[in-house]
Amino acid sequence: MTIRRRDLLKFAGAALSSAWPSLARSADNRGVYDLERFGDARILHITDTHAQLLPGYFREPSVNLGLGLAAGQPPHLVGRAFLERFAIEPDSADAYAFTSLDFEKSAARFGKLGGFAHLKTLIDRLRGDMGAGRSLLLDGGDCWQGTGLSNTMRGADMVEAANLLGIEAMTGHWEFTYGEAALRENLGRFKGEFLAQNVYLTEEAAFNGASAFDPASGRVFKPAMIREIGGYQIAVIGQAFPYVPIAHPKRFTPDWTFGIREDELQKLVDSLRNSAKVDALVLLSHNGMDVDLKLASRVRGIDVILGGHTHDAVPQAMPVTNAGGTTLVTNAGSNGKFLGVLDLELTKGRVRDARYRLLPVFSELLKPDAAMTALIEKIREPHVAPWGGKIATASRLLYRRGNFTGTVDRLICDSLRDQFDAEIALSPGFRWGSTFLPGHPLTMEDLLSETAISYGETYLANLTGGQIKEALEDTCDNLLNPDPYYQQGGDMVRVSGFTYICTPGEAIGRRISELKLDNGRPIEPGKTYKVAGWASVNEQEGTPVWDVLARYLGSGRPQNAQDGSVTLKGVDGNPGIAG
């Protein structure tokens, strides 16, 4: 695919118009979602919905640092820098959907986003606009995890919803954390394809005859599929999260190895291009956007990467040149807030032109689909009633997403220190989790939407100051390593009980300094401290973190002010920091 410089803006697409209908917000309003018909095939893309069946709030980050060549480049833009880069009007519906600016005020004005019933309405409309046989719906992974309901049902609820939504192919990440048996049981009911070119049997598992899609190569899952759309052959390759056994307990996937597997991907792309003679090739990726940008520069023959994992909502597709031409890289946000729309104009053997849009799913502008609404009610009814009682009231905005801090994580850390009488608490920097406005009555279902995983047990450990610093350095390098292939896509571990300075531009081992307990005393490398945490990759037998959090909030303890545990140095003026 060849793109001329003057065509880049048209090719990359543009943000949704910031116009908002009158305050009546008619559910039948079609203007926001009226897209001009273009091309021969439409590919619709959702990713990282994290089992959010109902509309909700999700605050985008106010800190998303990019360093070196990534500084000032998507996805490392927030706040006003983001608005300027993508020509989005301040105080508009788009500004609310894509940034954290004036979030509370805008949330009251524009309402909740997402919800599978609303997605269903929008997807059906956009498919209908293209005509029969001219569209494809893809899911980029992290569909089955993120709520108490999904954790209880091990993702089975989302399989039913995905089937009704019409998802035709998906890849995975958190799906693997239910273990192989649950994964395969769910895939047996899933009506689409599960694609993952980068998951292989271990040598021992292959020797013992473990199940695989292709025993000869050791590939565990089908790597790709070809669909005829609008009379053209479109290939979709799946790329699962490359670091599953590192980021999560190895016991969930003991027989499988992961990785980016760039060489194997290139061979597969070449085969589809040369042998299958496909007209367009799409990578359905859960690498994270920075990884995808590097991958696009090194692997030739991919037309578009539809990306996920890092929850970056980027309104335009980013063109990346490589030895074979140009690849477009996208990332479609999270929590069901957005629907990516890729329209392709095709000719034999290549993409001639394309348009990409990332549409916010404003629930108040979309009439919920009746069949999906009924299915959601049926799935929820046997499980959620015990989780409905009020535990506490949110005294401030509660959110998770941000490179270094989040108010939800501060509550989790405070509850851990209280439960275990610990000096220090650590909470993983997961990027999923709902946002709750001040005054919201918090229920167990809400707390589970922040914590529900298959290894949510709490623990108490004795760690030296040196071990604590080493853990911070390691996690920080996962976030800030200058080579994207060494980034795993999560945010910085959250802390309570001490403060520290982070200098992002330094190398590993020198980013973290001046660790001090809340009483002002330095954390000594050789001294041992009581540290509470949860979500350890080592198997634990402690109380689930959601029960610890519920007891803490239910006791009436104050919800602390904004977390100030970390001070950043050397990043003044970085457009990845708002304000």
Protein backbone atom coordinates (compact mmCIF):
# COMPACT_ATOMS: atom_id res chain seq x y z
CA MET A 1 0.00 0.00 0.00
CA THR A 2 1.47 3.36 -1.03
CA ILE A 3 0.36 6.65 0.53
CA ARG A 4 1.31 10.07 -0.81
CA ARG A 5 2.17 12.72 1.77
CA ARG A 6 -0.74 14.94 0.73
CA ASP A 7 -3.11 12.01 1.29
CA LEU A 8 -2.08 11.27 4.89
CA LEU A 9 -4.71 13.36 6.62
CA LYS A 10 -7.51 11.97 4.48
CA PHE A 11 -6.18 8.44 4.89
CA ALA A 12 -5.79 8.65 8.64
CA GLY A 13 -9.31 9.92 9.15
CA ALA A 14 -10.55 12.55 11.56
CA ALA A 15 -12.18 12.80 14.95
CA LEU A 16 -15.93 12.69 15.33
CA SER A 17 -17.60 16.05 14.88
CA SER A 18 -17.83 17.84 18.20
CA ALA A 19 -21.38 18.97 17.53
CA TRP A 20 -23.84 17.81 20.18
CA PRO A 21 -27.59 17.66 19.66
CA SER A 22 -29.99 19.77 21.69
CA LEU A 23 -30.40 19.01 25.38
CA ALA A 24 -33.42 16.86 24.46
CA ARG A 25 -30.83 14.28 23.29
CA SER A 26 -33.26 12.40 21.11
CA ALA A 27 -32.49 8.67 21.15
CA ASP A 28 -33.42 8.56 17.46
CA ASN A 29 -30.88 11.22 16.47
CA ARG A 30 -28.72 9.86 13.67
CA GLY A 31 -26.55 12.86 12.83
CA VAL A 32 -23.59 12.01 15.08
CA TYR A 33 -23.33 8.54 13.57
CA ASP A 34 -24.18 9.26 9.94
CA LEU A 35 -21.04 8.25 8.07
CA GLU A 36 -20.65 8.76 4.38
CA ARG A 37 -20.52 5.42 2.64
CA PHE A 38 -17.05 4.77 1.32
CA GLY A 39 -15.19 1.88 -0.23
CA ASP A 40 -15.87 -1.81 -0.59
CA ALA A 41 -15.52 -3.17 2.96
CA ARG A 42 -16.13 -1.93 6.49
CA ILE A 43 -14.29 -3.39 9.46
CA LEU A 44 -15.68 -2.55 12.90
CA HIS A 45 -13.39 -2.87 15.89
CA ILE A 46 -13.88 -2.92 19.66
CA THR A 47 -11.26 -3.76 22.25
CA ASP A 48 -10.65 -3.86 26.01
CA THR A 49 -14.33 -3.67 26.91
CA HIS A 50 -13.47 -5.45 30.17
CA ALA A 51 -16.91 -7.04 30.44
CA GLN A 52 -18.72 -3.70 30.75
CA LEU A 53 -22.17 -4.79 29.60
CA LEU A 54 -23.82 -1.61 30.88
CA PRO A 55 -23.07 2.04 30.05
CA GLY A 56 -20.68 3.73 32.45
CA TYR A 57 -18.06 6.37 33.06
CA PHE A 58 -14.35 6.00 32.30
CA ARG A 59 -11.99 8.92 32.83
CA GLU A 60 -9.13 9.07 30.35
CA PRO A 61 -5.64 9.66 31.80
CA SER A 62 -4.24 13.03 32.77
CA VAL A 63 -0.75 11.48 32.64
CA ASN A 64 0.36 9.31 29.71
CA LEU A 65 4.08 9.93 29.37
CA GLY A 66 6.05 9.53 26.20
CA LEU A 67 9.81 9.92 26.24
CA GLY A 68 12.46 10.30 23.57
CA LEU A 69 11.02 9.87 20.08
CA ALA A 70 7.59 9.13 21.61
CA ALA A 71 7.38 12.49 23.42
CA GLY A 72 4.57 14.56 21.99
CA GLN A 73 3.44 11.76 19.70
CA PRO A 74 0.23 9.73 19.93
CA PRO A 75 -0.71 8.02 22.14
CA HIS A 76 1.33 10.10 24.61
CA LEU A 77 -0.81 13.22 24.55
CA VAL A 78 -3.34 14.28 27.16
CA GLY A 79 -5.56 17.22 27.96
CA ARG A 80 -5.25 20.33 25.83
CA ALA A 81 -2.28 18.95 23.89
CA PHE A 82 -4.53 16.10 22.79
CA LEU A 83 -7.30 18.47 21.74
CA GLU A 84 -4.90 20.60 19.71
CA ARG A 85 -3.29 17.62 17.99
CA PHE A 86 -6.62 16.20 16.85
CA ALA A 87 -8.47 19.52 16.30
CA ILE A 88 -11.13 18.81 18.94
CA GLU A 89 -13.05 21.73 20.41
CA PRO A 90 -12.71 22.27 24.19
CA ASP A 91 -15.86 21.64 26.25
CA SER A 92 -17.26 19.46 23.48
CA ALA A 93 -18.62 15.93 23.57
CA ASP A 94 -15.41 14.72 21.94
CA ALA A 95 -13.26 16.50 24.51
CA TYR A 96 -15.20 14.67 27.23
CA ALA A 97 -14.88 11.30 25.53
CA PHE A 98 -11.17 11.54 24.69
CA THR A 99 -9.66 13.49 27.62
CA SER A 100 -9.94 13.99 31.37
CA LEU A 101 -10.54 17.75 31.08
CA ASP A 102 -13.46 19.03 33.21
CA PHE A 103 -14.51 15.43 33.58
CA GLU A 104 -17.11 15.80 36.33
CA LYS A 105 -18.84 18.74 34.69
CA SER A 106 -18.81 17.06 31.29
CA ALA A 107 -20.04 13.76 32.69
CA ALA A 108 -23.16 15.48 34.00
CA ARG A 109 -23.66 17.12 30.61
CA PHE A 110 -22.95 14.27 28.20
CA GLY A 111 -23.72 11.17 30.26
CA LYS A 112 -22.42 7.63 30.22
CA LEU A 113 -20.74 5.88 27.33
CA GLY A 114 -20.73 2.33 26.06
CA GLY A 115 -22.98 -0.56 27.00
CA PHE A 116 -23.45 -3.64 24.83
CA ALA A 117 -27.09 -2.83 24.07
CA HIS A 118 -26.04 0.57 22.73
CA LEU A 119 -23.06 -0.89 20.89
CA LYS A 120 -25.39 -3.40 19.27
CA THR A 121 -27.62 -0.61 17.96
CA LEU A 122 -24.68 1.32 16.55
CA ILE A 123 -22.97 -1.73 15.04
CA ASP A 124 -26.17 -2.88 13.34
CA ARG A 125 -26.71 0.62 11.94
CA LEU A 126 -23.19 0.90 10.55
CA ARG A 127 -23.37 -2.58 9.05
CA GLY A 128 -26.71 -1.80 7.48
CA ASP A 129 -25.33 1.38 5.95
CA MET A 130 -22.74 -0.67 4.04
CA GLY A 131 -25.14 -3.37 2.87
CA ALA A 132 -25.16 -7.13 3.29
CA GLY A 133 -21.85 -8.97 3.18
CA ARG A 134 -19.68 -5.86 3.31
CA SER A 135 -18.67 -5.65 6.99
CA LEU A 136 -16.73 -7.52 9.66
CA LEU A 137 -16.79 -7.09 13.45
CA LEU A 138 -13.57 -7.77 15.37
CA ASP A 139 -12.75 -7.79 19.09
CA GLY A 140 -9.19 -7.04 20.20
CA GLY A 141 -9.29 -8.92 23.51
CA ASP A 142 -9.90 -8.22 27.20
CA CYS A 143 -13.57 -8.81 26.59
CA TRP A 144 -14.19 -11.47 29.23
CA GLN A 145 -12.74 -9.86 32.38
CA GLY A 146 -13.38 -6.77 34.48
CA THR A 147 -16.56 -7.32 36.53
CA GLY A 148 -17.72 -9.50 39.37
CA LEU A 149 -20.17 -11.14 36.99
CA SER A 150 -17.47 -12.18 34.54
CA ASN A 151 -15.18 -13.32 37.32
CA THR A 152 -17.95 -15.50 38.73
CA MET A 153 -18.93 -16.92 35.34
CA ARG A 154 -15.33 -17.16 34.09
CA GLY A 155 -16.19 -15.11 31.03
CA ALA A 156 -19.20 -17.16 29.93
CA ASP A 157 -21.46 -14.11 30.22
CA MET A 158 -19.38 -12.23 27.69
CA VAL A 159 -19.35 -15.12 25.24
CA GLU A 160 -23.15 -14.92 25.07
CA ALA A 161 -23.06 -11.15 24.64
CA ALA A 162 -20.32 -11.37 22.00
CA ASN A 163 -22.32 -13.90 20.02
CA LEU A 164 -25.39 -11.66 19.96
CA LEU A 165 -23.25 -8.63 19.13
CA GLY A 166 -21.96 -10.55 16.13
CA ILE A 167 -18.21 -10.64 16.83
CA GLU A 168 -16.59 -12.67 14.07
CA ALA A 169 -13.05 -12.87 15.39
CA MET A 170 -11.16 -12.01 18.57
CA THR A 171 -7.77 -12.37 20.21
CA GLY A 172 -6.95 -12.47 23.89
CA HIS A 173 -5.17 -11.33 27.04
CA TRP A 174 -7.07 -11.48 30.35
CA GLU A 175 -9.07 -14.31 28.79
CA PHE A 176 -6.06 -16.53 29.50
CA THR A 177 -6.23 -15.84 33.26
CA TYR A 178 -9.22 -18.16 33.66
CA GLY A 179 -6.99 -21.08 32.73
CA GLU A 180 -6.96 -23.39 29.72
CA ALA A 181 -10.04 -25.44 30.66
CA ALA A 182 -12.32 -22.40 31.05
CA LEU A 183 -10.82 -20.74 27.98
CA ARG A 184 -11.46 -23.74 25.76
CA GLU A 185 -14.95 -24.23 27.17
CA ASN A 186 -15.81 -20.62 26.35
CA LEU A 187 -14.29 -20.88 22.88
CA GLY A 188 -16.42 -23.95 22.27
CA ARG A 189 -19.48 -21.72 22.66
CA PHE A 190 -18.08 -18.69 20.86
CA LYS A 191 -19.47 -18.43 17.33
CA GLY A 192 -16.51 -16.49 15.96
CA GLU A 193 -12.83 -17.31 15.52
CA PHE A 194 -10.17 -17.02 18.23
CA LEU A 195 -6.93 -15.96 16.50
CA ALA A 196 -3.44 -15.88 18.00
CA GLN A 197 -0.41 -16.38 15.77
CA ASN A 198 2.03 -15.87 18.66
CA VAL A 199 1.04 -18.61 21.14
CA TYR A 200 2.99 -21.87 20.96
CA LEU A 201 3.31 -25.06 22.99
CA THR A 202 6.30 -25.39 25.26
CA GLU A 203 8.75 -28.11 24.22
CA GLU A 204 7.59 -30.34 27.06
CA ALA A 205 3.91 -29.83 26.24
CA ALA A 206 4.54 -30.59 22.57
CA PHE A 207 6.46 -33.75 23.50
CA ASN A 208 3.53 -34.85 25.69
CA GLY A 209 1.00 -34.28 22.89
CA ALA A 210 -0.79 -31.26 24.35
CA SER A 211 -3.69 -29.89 22.34
CA ALA A 212 -2.76 -27.48 19.54
CA PHE A 213 -4.34 -26.09 16.40
CA ASP A 214 -1.23 -27.09 14.44
CA PRO A 215 0.77 -29.81 16.24
CA ALA A 216 3.49 -29.72 13.58
CA SER A 217 4.41 -26.08 14.27
CA GLY A 218 3.21 -26.05 17.87
CA ARG A 219 0.80 -23.18 17.28
CA VAL A 220 -1.90 -23.50 19.92
CA PHE A 221 -4.57 -21.45 18.16
CA LYS A 222 -5.60 -20.63 14.64
CA PRO A 223 -3.29 -17.80 13.53
CA ALA A 224 -5.41 -16.11 10.86
CA MET A 225 -8.61 -16.21 8.87
CA ILE A 226 -9.67 -15.02 5.43
CA ARG A 227 -13.10 -13.54 4.78
CA GLU A 228 -14.68 -12.46 1.52
CA ILE A 229 -16.13 -8.99 1.97
CA GLY A 230 -17.59 -7.04 -0.91
CA GLY A 231 -16.07 -9.50 -3.34
CA TYR A 232 -12.53 -9.10 -1.95
CA GLN A 233 -10.40 -11.38 0.20
CA ILE A 234 -9.46 -9.84 3.55
CA ALA A 235 -7.06 -11.61 5.91
CA VAL A 236 -7.13 -11.06 9.68
CA ILE A 237 -4.19 -12.22 11.80
CA GLY A 238 -4.56 -12.44 15.58
CA GLN A 239 -1.84 -11.20 17.93
CA ALA A 240 -2.50 -12.07 21.59
CA PHE A 241 -0.86 -10.20 24.46
CA PRO A 242 2.81 -11.23 24.22
CA TYR A 243 3.62 -11.32 27.95
CA VAL A 244 0.84 -13.36 29.54
CA PRO A 245 3.08 -15.71 31.61
CA ILE A 246 5.12 -12.73 32.87
CA ALA A 247 2.31 -10.32 33.73
CA HIS A 248 0.09 -13.04 35.24
CA PRO A 249 0.61 -16.28 37.17
CA LYS A 250 2.35 -18.85 35.01
CA ARG A 251 0.07 -21.56 36.44
CA PHE A 252 -2.78 -20.36 34.21
CA THR A 253 -0.88 -21.14 30.99
CA PRO A 254 1.83 -23.68 31.95
CA ASP A 255 1.93 -25.38 28.53
CA TRP A 256 2.10 -22.26 26.38
CA THR A 257 4.75 -19.73 25.40
CA PHE A 258 3.96 -16.25 24.12
CA GLY A 259 5.96 -13.38 22.65
CA ILE A 260 5.79 -10.79 19.88
CA ARG A 261 7.25 -13.36 17.42
CA GLU A 262 8.07 -10.86 14.73
CA ASP A 263 9.75 -13.41 12.42
CA GLU A 264 6.83 -15.85 12.55
CA LEU A 265 4.45 -12.96 11.88
CA GLN A 266 6.43 -11.88 8.81
CA LYS A 267 6.36 -15.43 7.43
CA LEU A 268 2.60 -15.62 7.94
CA VAL A 269 2.05 -12.23 6.27
CA ASP A 270 4.19 -13.29 3.32
CA SER A 271 2.28 -16.54 2.96
CA LEU A 272 -1.09 -14.80 2.97
CA ARG A 273 0.14 -12.25 0.45
CA ASN A 274 1.92 -14.65 -1.89
CA SER A 275 0.01 -17.91 -1.60
CA ALA A 276 -3.50 -16.90 -0.57
CA LYS A 277 -3.34 -13.72 -2.70
CA VAL A 278 -5.37 -11.64 -0.23
CA ASP A 279 -6.44 -8.13 -1.19
CA ALA A 280 -6.07 -6.61 2.30
CA LEU A 281 -4.35 -7.74 5.49
CA VAL A 282 -5.28 -6.62 8.99
CA LEU A 283 -3.49 -7.42 12.26
CA LEU A 284 -5.90 -7.71 15.19
CA SER A 285 -3.46 -6.89 17.96
CA HIS A 286 -3.30 -6.84 21.73
CA ASN A 287 0.30 -5.64 21.83
CA GLY A 288 -0.30 -2.07 22.99
CA MET A 289 0.08 0.94 20.74
CA ASP A 290 3.78 1.64 21.25
CA VAL A 291 4.62 -1.97 20.43
CA ASP A 292 2.38 -1.84 17.37
CA LEU A 293 4.07 1.32 16.11
CA LYS A 294 7.46 -0.38 16.28
CA LEU A 295 6.11 -3.61 14.81
CA ALA A 296 4.60 -1.68 11.89
CA SER A 297 8.02 -0.24 11.08
CA ARG A 298 9.62 -3.69 10.93
CA VAL A 299 7.04 -6.06 9.41
CA ARG A 300 6.05 -5.38 5.82
CA GLY A 301 2.78 -6.27 4.17
CA ILE A 302 0.28 -5.35 6.90
CA ASP A 303 -2.23 -2.74 5.76
CA VAL A 304 -3.77 -1.86 9.13
CA ILE A 305 -3.12 -2.78 12.75
CA LEU A 306 -6.27 -2.64 14.84
CA GLY A 307 -4.73 -2.35 18.27
CA GLY A 308 -5.62 -2.67 21.92
CA HIS A 309 -4.26 -3.42 25.41
CA THR A 310 -2.97 0.03 26.41
CA HIS A 311 -6.49 1.57 26.40
CA ASP A 312 -5.33 4.45 24.23
CA ALA A 313 -8.24 6.16 22.50
CA VAL A 314 -6.63 7.72 19.42
CA PRO A 315 -9.03 9.41 16.96
CA GLN A 316 -6.83 8.99 13.90
CA ALA A 317 -4.91 6.10 12.43
CA MET A 318 -1.14 6.69 12.52
CA PRO A 319 0.74 5.91 9.27
CA VAL A 320 4.07 4.11 9.70
CA THR A 321 6.46 3.51 6.81
CA ASN A 322 8.37 0.26 6.40
CA ALA A 323 10.26 -1.63 3.71
CA GLY A 324 7.03 -2.66 2.02
CA GLY A 325 5.14 0.64 2.09
CA THR A 326 2.91 2.05 4.84
CA THR A 327 0.94 0.48 7.66
CA LEU A 328 -1.81 2.28 9.57
CA VAL A 329 -1.78 1.81 13.35
CA THR A 330 -4.89 2.36 15.48
CA ASN A 331 -5.92 1.91 19.10
CA ALA A 332 -9.57 1.93 20.10
CA GLY A 333 -9.76 2.81 23.80
CA SER A 334 -11.52 0.72 26.42
CA ASN A 335 -14.63 -0.05 28.46
CA GLY A 336 -16.92 -0.09 25.42
CA LYS A 337 -16.56 3.69 25.07
CA PHE A 338 -15.51 3.58 21.42
CA LEU A 339 -16.13 1.80 18.15
CA GLY A 340 -13.46 1.87 15.49
CA VAL A 341 -14.71 2.10 11.89
CA LEU A 342 -12.28 1.22 9.10
CA ASP A 343 -13.58 1.61 5.54
CA LEU A 344 -11.41 0.14 2.80
CA GLU A 345 -11.45 0.91 -0.90
CA LEU A 346 -9.94 -2.14 -2.55
CA THR A 347 -8.55 -3.25 -5.84
CA LYS A 348 -7.11 -6.62 -6.75
CA GLY A 349 -4.23 -7.39 -4.39
CA ARG A 350 -4.08 -4.11 -2.47
CA VAL A 351 -5.81 -1.36 -0.53
CA ARG A 352 -6.29 1.67 -2.74
CA ASP A 353 -7.64 4.04 -0.06
CA ALA A 354 -9.03 3.95 3.46
CA ARG A 355 -10.88 5.99 6.04
CA TYR A 356 -10.73 5.47 9.79
CA ARG A 357 -12.89 6.95 12.53
CA LEU A 358 -13.06 6.25 16.26
CA LEU A 359 -16.63 6.90 17.35
CA PRO A 360 -17.49 7.54 21.01
CA VAL A 361 -20.52 5.46 21.99
CA PHE A 362 -22.74 8.06 23.69
CA SER A 363 -25.40 5.97 25.37
CA GLU A 364 -27.89 8.83 25.47
CA LEU A 365 -27.80 9.16 21.69
CA LEU A 366 -28.40 5.48 20.98
CA LYS A 367 -31.55 3.54 21.67
CA PRO A 368 -30.54 0.28 23.40
CA ASP A 369 -31.13 -2.86 21.36
CA ALA A 370 -34.06 -4.79 22.84
CA ALA A 371 -32.61 -8.27 22.34
CA MET A 372 -29.27 -7.35 23.92
CA THR A 373 -31.03 -5.60 26.81
CA ALA A 374 -33.05 -8.75 27.48
CA LEU A 375 -29.95 -10.96 27.31
CA ILE A 376 -28.02 -8.74 29.73
CA GLU A 377 -30.92 -8.80 32.19
CA LYS A 378 -31.14 -12.59 31.94
CA ILE A 379 -27.40 -13.06 32.49
CA ARG A 380 -27.23 -10.66 35.43
CA GLU A 381 -30.37 -11.73 37.29
CA PRO A 382 -29.03 -14.88 39.03
CA HIS A 383 -25.85 -13.22 40.28
CA VAL A 384 -25.90 -9.50 40.97
CA ALA A 385 -28.63 -9.06 43.60
CA PRO A 386 -26.30 -9.79 46.57
CA TRP A 387 -23.89 -7.13 45.29
CA GLY A 388 -26.45 -4.30 45.20
CA GLY A 389 -26.44 -2.94 48.75
CA LYS A 390 -24.82 0.43 49.44
CA ILE A 391 -21.47 0.15 51.23
CA ALA A 392 -20.38 3.80 51.18
CA THR A 393 -20.75 7.00 49.17
CA ALA A 394 -17.97 8.26 46.92
CA SER A 395 -16.73 11.49 48.46
CA ARG A 396 -14.69 12.41 45.39
CA LEU A 397 -14.10 11.30 41.83
CA LEU A 398 -12.90 7.70 41.84
CA TYR A 399 -10.87 6.59 38.83
CA ARG A 400 -8.10 4.14 37.98
CA ARG A 401 -6.37 5.26 34.78
CA GLY A 402 -3.14 7.27 34.88
CA ASN A 403 0.55 6.40 34.63
CA PHE A 404 1.37 6.91 38.33
CA THR A 405 -1.69 7.44 40.52
CA GLY A 406 -5.42 6.84 40.72
CA THR A 407 -7.90 7.61 43.48
CA VAL A 408 -9.34 4.08 43.41
CA ASP A 409 -5.88 2.64 43.98
CA ARG A 410 -5.33 4.97 46.93
CA LEU A 411 -8.46 3.52 48.55
CA ILE A 412 -7.29 -0.02 47.84
CA CYS A 413 -3.87 0.70 49.35
CA ASP A 414 -5.38 2.38 52.41
CA SER A 415 -7.68 -0.60 52.97
CA LEU A 416 -4.72 -3.01 52.74
CA ARG A 417 -2.68 -1.06 55.26
CA ASP A 418 -5.67 -0.93 57.60
CA GLN A 419 -6.48 -4.65 57.25
CA PHE A 420 -2.92 -5.85 57.82
CA ASP A 421 -1.63 -3.04 60.06
CA ALA A 422 1.10 -2.66 57.44
CA GLU A 423 3.58 0.18 57.03
CA ILE A 424 3.36 0.04 53.23
CA ALA A 425 0.82 -1.12 50.66
CA LEU A 426 1.22 -1.84 46.94
CA SER A 427 -1.48 -2.12 44.29
CA PRO A 428 -0.86 -3.11 40.65
CA GLY A 429 -1.31 -0.43 38.00
CA PHE A 430 -4.15 -2.07 36.11
CA ARG A 431 -5.62 0.20 33.43
CA TRP A 432 -9.14 -1.22 33.64
CA GLY A 433 -11.70 -0.21 36.25
CA SER A 434 -14.83 1.96 36.27
CA THR A 435 -14.99 5.64 37.17
CA PHE A 436 -17.48 6.86 39.79
CA LEU A 437 -18.65 10.44 40.30
CA PRO A 438 -18.76 12.11 43.72
CA GLY A 439 -21.96 11.18 45.54
CA HIS A 440 -22.25 7.79 43.85
CA PRO A 441 -23.49 5.07 46.24
CA LEU A 442 -20.76 2.42 46.11
CA THR A 443 -21.88 -1.20 46.05
CA MET A 444 -20.02 -4.50 46.00
CA GLU A 445 -20.69 -4.67 42.25
CA ASP A 446 -18.85 -1.35 41.92
CA LEU A 447 -15.89 -2.57 43.99
CA LEU A 448 -15.70 -5.74 41.93
CA SER A 449 -15.52 -3.63 38.76
CA GLU A 450 -12.20 -2.33 40.14
CA THR A 451 -10.75 -5.57 41.48
CA ALA A 452 -12.37 -8.72 40.03
CA ILE A 453 -9.63 -11.04 38.83
CA SER A 454 -8.98 -14.76 39.21
CA TYR A 455 -6.04 -14.13 41.55
CA GLY A 456 -7.34 -11.30 43.71
CA GLU A 457 -6.12 -12.64 47.05
CA THR A 458 -4.34 -10.27 49.44
CA TYR A 459 -1.04 -10.96 51.21
CA LEU A 460 1.38 -9.61 53.79
CA ALA A 461 5.12 -9.81 53.16
CA ASN A 462 8.32 -8.69 54.83
CA LEU A 463 10.41 -6.81 52.29
CA THR A 464 13.62 -4.87 52.63
CA GLY A 465 13.88 -1.30 51.45
CA GLY A 466 16.14 -2.53 48.68
CA GLN A 467 13.53 -5.01 47.50
CA ILE A 468 10.84 -2.31 47.51
CA LYS A 469 12.99 0.00 45.39
CA GLU A 470 13.85 -2.86 43.05
CA ALA A 471 10.14 -3.65 42.58
CA LEU A 472 9.42 0.00 41.75
CA GLU A 473 12.32 0.16 39.30
CA ASP A 474 11.19 -3.02 37.56
CA THR A 475 7.59 -1.85 37.17
CA CYS A 476 8.70 1.60 36.04
CA ASP A 477 10.88 0.04 33.36
CA ASN A 478 7.88 -1.93 32.08
CA LEU A 479 6.16 1.42 31.61
CA LEU A 480 9.02 3.63 30.41
CA ASN A 481 11.62 1.44 28.71
CA PRO A 482 12.76 3.30 25.57
CA ASP A 483 12.34 0.10 23.54
CA PRO A 484 8.59 -0.55 23.18
CA TYR A 485 9.21 -4.31 22.91
CA TYR A 486 10.16 -4.24 26.61
CA GLN A 487 7.01 -2.41 27.67
CA GLN A 488 4.17 -4.53 29.02
CA GLY A 489 1.45 -1.90 28.87
CA GLY A 490 0.40 -1.48 32.48
CA ASP A 491 0.78 1.62 34.63
CA MET A 492 3.10 2.17 37.59
CA VAL A 493 2.47 0.21 40.78
CA ARG A 494 0.45 2.32 43.22
CA VAL A 495 1.81 2.83 46.74
CA SER A 496 0.69 3.97 50.16
CA GLY A 497 2.70 4.62 53.31
CA PHE A 498 5.66 6.28 51.60
CA THR A 499 6.63 8.79 48.95
CA TYR A 500 9.31 8.69 46.27
CA ILE A 501 10.74 10.64 43.36
CA CYS A 502 10.61 9.25 39.82
CA THR A 503 12.87 10.60 37.08
CA PRO A 504 11.37 8.96 33.96
CA GLY A 505 14.22 9.91 31.64
CA GLU A 506 16.82 7.96 33.62
CA ALA A 507 17.79 4.35 32.95
CA ILE A 508 16.52 1.41 34.99
CA GLY A 509 18.04 1.43 38.46
CA ARG A 510 18.21 5.23 38.55
CA ARG A 511 14.58 6.28 38.02
CA ILE A 512 13.43 5.80 41.62
CA SER A 513 14.95 7.79 44.48
CA GLU A 514 14.32 9.40 47.89
CA LEU A 515 11.92 6.79 49.24
CA LYS A 516 10.53 8.13 52.53
CA LEU A 517 7.92 6.77 54.93
CA ASP A 518 4.95 8.99 55.69
CA ASN A 519 6.69 10.02 58.93
CA GLY A 520 9.55 11.45 56.87
CA ARG A 521 12.11 8.77 57.65
CA PRO A 522 14.06 7.39 54.69
CA ILE A 523 13.36 3.82 53.64
CA GLU A 524 16.62 2.01 54.33
CA PRO A 525 17.84 -0.60 51.82
CA GLY A 526 18.75 -3.16 54.47
CA LYS A 527 15.78 -2.66 56.79
CA THR A 528 12.67 -4.88 56.66
CA TYR A 529 9.16 -3.45 56.32
CA LYS A 530 5.66 -4.91 56.54
CA VAL A 531 4.14 -4.66 53.04
CA ALA A 532 0.55 -5.53 52.11
CA GLY A 533 -0.57 -6.16 48.56
CA TRP A 534 -2.74 -8.20 46.22
CA ALA A 535 -2.69 -9.85 42.79
CA SER A 536 0.63 -11.62 43.33
CA VAL A 537 1.87 -13.89 40.54
CA ASN A 538 2.73 -16.31 43.36
CA GLU A 539 -0.27 -18.25 44.65
CA GLN A 540 -1.75 -16.79 47.84
CA GLU A 541 -4.48 -17.81 50.30
CA GLY A 542 -5.47 -14.39 51.63
CA THR A 543 -8.83 -12.64 51.73
CA PRO A 544 -9.98 -11.37 48.31
CA VAL A 545 -9.13 -7.71 47.93
CA TRP A 546 -12.74 -6.74 47.19
CA ASP A 547 -13.77 -7.98 50.64
CA VAL A 548 -10.93 -6.05 52.27
CA LEU A 549 -11.96 -2.89 50.41
CA ALA A 550 -15.63 -3.37 51.29
CA ARG A 551 -14.85 -3.72 55.00
CA TYR A 552 -12.69 -0.62 54.94
CA LEU A 553 -15.26 1.55 53.17
CA GLY A 554 -18.12 0.12 55.22
CA SER A 555 -16.35 1.10 58.44
CA GLY A 556 -16.82 4.76 57.58
CA ARG A 557 -13.15 5.63 57.40
CA PRO A 558 -12.42 8.81 55.44
CA GLN A 559 -11.60 8.57 51.75
CA ASN A 560 -8.23 10.31 51.60
CA ALA A 561 -7.43 13.31 49.44
CA GLN A 562 -5.69 13.07 46.08
CA ASP A 563 -2.70 10.75 46.22
CA GLY A 564 0.64 12.55 46.39
CA SER A 565 2.94 9.56 46.75
CA VAL A 566 5.11 10.28 43.70
CA THR A 567 6.94 13.40 42.52
CA LEU A 568 8.07 13.46 38.88
CA LYS A 569 11.32 15.09 37.82
CA GLY A 570 12.65 16.05 34.42
CA VAL A 571 9.33 16.03 32.57
CA ASP A 572 8.36 19.71 32.65
CA GLY A 573 6.51 20.66 29.48
CA ASN A 574 5.87 17.06 28.43
CA PRO A 575 2.48 16.99 26.63
CA GLY A 576 1.80 13.63 28.24
CA ILE A 577 1.06 15.47 31.49
CA ALA A 578 -2.05 17.66 31.74
CA GLY A 579 -1.56 20.94 33.56
